[in-house]
C-alpha atoms as a PDB file:
ATOM      1  CA  MET A   1       1.017  32.636   9.083  1.00  0.00           C
ATOM      2  CA  HIS A   2       1.445  36.421   8.890  1.00  0.00           C
ATOM      3  CA  VAL A   3       5.222  36.059   8.549  1.00  0.00           C
ATOM      4  CA  PHE A   4       4.721  33.292   5.976  1.00  0.00           C
ATOM      5  CA  CYS A   5       2.501  35.558   3.856  1.00  0.00           C
ATOM      6  CA  HIS A   6       5.056  38.348   4.100  1.00  0.00           C
ATOM      7  CA  GLN A   7       7.790  35.950   2.971  1.00  0.00           C
ATOM      8  CA  ILE A   8       5.702  35.060  -0.092  1.00  0.00           C
ATOM      9  CA  TYR A   9       5.429  38.777  -0.835  1.00  0.00           C
ATOM     10  CA  GLU A  10       9.220  39.195  -0.529  1.00  0.00           C
ATOM     11  CA  PHE A  11       9.840  36.183  -2.771  1.00  0.00           C
ATOM     12  CA  LYS A  12       7.460  37.459  -5.438  1.00  0.00           C
ATOM     13  CA  LYS A  13       9.162  40.895  -5.325  1.00  0.00           C
ATOM     14  CA  GLY A  14      12.580  39.277  -5.853  1.00  0.00           C
ATOM     15  CA  VAL A  15      13.977  40.042  -2.395  1.00  0.00           C
ATOM     16  CA  ARG A  16      14.747  36.347  -1.837  1.00  0.00           C
ATOM     17  CA  ASP A  17      15.350  33.344  -4.073  1.00  0.00           C
ATOM     18  CA  MET A  18      14.402  30.883  -1.352  1.00  0.00           C
ATOM     19  CA  VAL A  19      12.716  30.996   2.047  1.00  0.00           C
ATOM     20  CA  LEU A  20      12.565  28.693   5.079  1.00  0.00           C
ATOM     21  CA  CYS A  21       9.641  29.084   7.462  1.00  0.00           C
ATOM     22  CA  THR A  22       8.848  26.882  10.476  1.00  0.00           C
ATOM     23  CA  LEU A  23       5.141  26.611  11.244  1.00  0.00           C
ATOM     24  CA  SER A  24       2.663  24.502  13.162  1.00  0.00           C
ATOM     25  CA  ALA A  25       1.734  21.374  11.226  1.00  0.00           C
ATOM     26  CA  ASP A  26      -1.896  22.477  11.594  1.00  0.00           C
ATOM     27  CA  ASN A  27      -1.187  25.086   8.900  1.00  0.00           C
ATOM     28  CA  GLU A  28       0.008  22.598   6.277  1.00  0.00           C
ATOM     29  CA  ASP A  29      -3.154  22.653   4.146  1.00  0.00           C
ATOM     30  CA  LYS A  30      -3.266  26.468   4.109  1.00  0.00           C
ATOM     31  CA  VAL A  31       0.440  26.611   3.224  1.00  0.00           C
ATOM     32  CA  ARG A  32       0.076  24.166   0.351  1.00  0.00           C
ATOM     33  CA  LYS A  33      -2.984  25.974  -0.991  1.00  0.00           C
ATOM     34  CA  ARG A  34      -1.273  29.381  -0.833  1.00  0.00           C
ATOM     35  CA  LEU A  35       1.969  28.223  -2.472  1.00  0.00           C
ATOM     36  CA  GLU A  36       0.226  26.209  -5.183  1.00  0.00           C
ATOM     37  CA  GLY A  37      -2.172  29.101  -5.825  1.00  0.00           C
ATOM     38  CA  ASN A  38       0.855  31.354  -6.402  1.00  0.00           C
ATOM     39  CA  ASN A  39       2.609  28.693  -8.509  1.00  0.00           C
ATOM     40  CA  ILE A  40       5.582  28.630  -6.118  1.00  0.00           C
ATOM     41  CA  CYS A  41       7.807  25.569  -5.857  1.00  0.00           C
ATOM     42  CA  TYR A  42       8.066  24.203  -2.300  1.00  0.00           C
ATOM     43  CA  MET A  43       9.101  21.355  -0.057  1.00  0.00           C
ATOM     44  CA  ILE A  44       7.683  20.501   3.355  1.00  0.00           C
ATOM     45  CA  GLN A  45       9.818  18.783   5.969  1.00  0.00           C
ATOM     46  CA  TYR A  46       8.012  17.250   8.947  1.00  0.00           C
ATOM     47  CA  LEU A  47       9.521  17.876  12.366  1.00  0.00           C
ATOM     48  CA  SER A  48       8.949  15.743  15.450  1.00  0.00           C
ATOM     49  CA  ASN A  49       7.271  18.429  17.575  1.00  0.00           C
ATOM     50  CA  ASN A  50       4.127  18.906  15.428  1.00  0.00           C
ATOM     51  CA  LYS A  51       5.877  21.526  13.345  1.00  0.00           C
ATOM     52  CA  ILE A  52       6.866  21.718   9.700  1.00  0.00           C
ATOM     53  CA  ASN A  53       9.703  23.387   7.868  1.00  0.00           C
ATOM     54  CA  VAL A  54       8.448  24.950   4.659  1.00  0.00           C
ATOM     55  CA  PHE A  55      11.071  25.665   2.033  1.00  0.00           C
ATOM     56  CA  PHE A  56       9.815  27.628  -0.951  1.00  0.00           C
ATOM     57  CA  GLY A  57      11.256  29.625  -3.791  1.00  0.00           C
ATOM     58  CA  LYS A  58      12.875  29.165  -7.148  1.00  0.00           C
ATOM     59  CA  GLU A  59      12.653  25.647  -8.465  1.00  0.00           C
ATOM     60  CA  GLU A  60      16.407  25.170  -8.857  1.00  0.00           C
ATOM     61  CA  CYS A  61      16.929  26.062  -5.172  1.00  0.00           C
ATOM     62  CA  ILE A  62      14.220  23.663  -4.004  1.00  0.00           C
ATOM     63  CA  ILE A  63      15.719  20.869  -6.117  1.00  0.00           C
ATOM     64  CA  VAL A  64      19.049  21.320  -4.302  1.00  0.00           C
ATOM     65  CA  VAL A  65      17.327  21.347  -0.894  1.00  0.00           C
ATOM     66  CA  ARG A  66      15.417  18.149  -1.730  1.00  0.00           C
ATOM     67  CA  GLU A  67      18.669  16.432  -2.684  1.00  0.00           C
ATOM     68  CA  MET A  68      20.555  17.625   0.407  1.00  0.00           C
ATOM     69  CA  CYS A  69      17.933  17.219   3.096  1.00  0.00           C
ATOM     70  CA  ASN A  70      16.546  13.893   1.887  1.00  0.00           C
ATOM     71  CA  ASP A  71      14.328  13.589   5.003  1.00  0.00           C
ATOM     72  CA  ARG A  72      17.216  14.423   7.348  1.00  0.00           C
ATOM     73  CA  PRO A  73      16.797  17.022  10.078  1.00  0.00           C
ATOM     74  CA  LEU A  74      18.743  20.209   9.396  1.00  0.00           C
ATOM     75  CA  ASN A  75      21.052  19.603  12.362  1.00  0.00           C
ATOM     76  CA  LYS A  76      22.265  16.429  10.619  1.00  0.00           C
ATOM     77  CA  LEU A  77      23.538  18.267   7.526  1.00  0.00           C
ATOM     78  CA  THR A  78      27.265  18.192   6.915  1.00  0.00           C
ATOM     79  CA  PRO A  79      29.114  21.489   7.378  1.00  0.00           C
ATOM     80  CA  GLU A  80      29.235  21.804   3.587  1.00  0.00           C
ATOM     81  CA  GLU A  81      25.499  21.172   3.182  1.00  0.00           C
ATOM     82  CA  ASP A  82      24.748  23.629   5.988  1.00  0.00           C
ATOM     83  CA  PHE A  83      26.880  26.240   4.209  1.00  0.00           C
ATOM     84  CA  ILE A  84      25.059  25.698   0.917  1.00  0.00           C
ATOM     85  CA  LEU A  85      21.642  25.868   2.585  1.00  0.00           C
ATOM     86  CA  GLY A  86      22.495  29.098   4.405  1.00  0.00           C
ATOM     87  CA  THR A  87      23.782  30.638   1.195  1.00  0.00           C
ATOM     88  CA  LEU A  88      20.627  29.618  -0.696  1.00  0.00           C
ATOM     89  CA  LEU A  89      18.562  31.255   2.038  1.00  0.00           C
ATOM     90  CA  GLY A  90      20.453  34.493   1.478  1.00  0.00           C
ATOM     91  CA  TYR A  91      22.385  34.529   4.733  1.00  0.00           C
ATOM     92  CA  SER A  92      25.610  36.538   4.840  1.00  0.00           C
ATOM     93  CA  VAL A  93      28.388  34.639   3.081  1.00  0.00           C
ATOM     94  CA  CYS A  94      30.882  35.820   5.712  1.00  0.00           C
ATOM     95  CA  GLU A  95      28.606  34.580   8.510  1.00  0.00           C
ATOM     96  CA  GLN A  96      28.244  31.259   6.697  1.00  0.00           C
ATOM     97  CA  CYS A  97      32.037  30.998   6.460  1.00  0.00           C
ATOM     98  CA  THR A  98      32.343  31.602  10.214  1.00  0.00           C
ATOM     99  CA  ARG A  99      29.622  29.028  10.906  1.00  0.00           C
ATOM    100  CA  TYR A 100      31.319  26.520   8.578  1.00  0.00           C
ATOM    101  CA  CYS A 101      34.672  26.946  10.340  1.00  0.00           C
ATOM    102  CA  LYS A 102      33.070  26.469  13.766  1.00  0.00           C
ATOM    103  CA  ARG A 103      31.256  23.346  12.606  1.00  0.00           C
ATOM    104  CA  MET A 104      34.447  21.953  11.068  1.00  0.00           C
ATOM    105  CA  LYS A 105      36.366  22.470  14.315  1.00  0.00           C
ATOM    106  CA  LYS A 106      33.606  20.709  16.217  1.00  0.00           C
ATOM    107  CA  ALA A 107      33.636  17.864  13.670  1.00  0.00           C
ATOM    108  CA  THR A 108      37.408  17.424  13.975  1.00  0.00           C
ATOM    109  CA  CYS A 109      37.225  17.435  17.792  1.00  0.00           C
ATOM    110  CA  VAL A 110      34.634  14.651  17.774  1.00  0.00           C
ATOM    111  CA  ALA A 111      36.533  12.426  15.349  1.00  0.00           C
END
């Protein structure tokens, strides 16, 4: 929860447009209360191992994540969706390009 609170601070200061945090599902009520209390748009994705992914940030970013993820685990995103998500999270564009190329090679080998 300490990291989560720091990520809220960074978001409010404009360091990030969107954040992804994985937490124990036991923290869900606290997370919702904190985000709603700060009027921050969010989406919670339930994971199978009693954990949750919490996406929060600017509304337009969360809208895109809701459309892309659509209750799918992140490892089921297409290479293009993975690239978009990484870019929204503020990851290095060059690193995302490298990741995209690796995922595309893997996809073409499987086909």
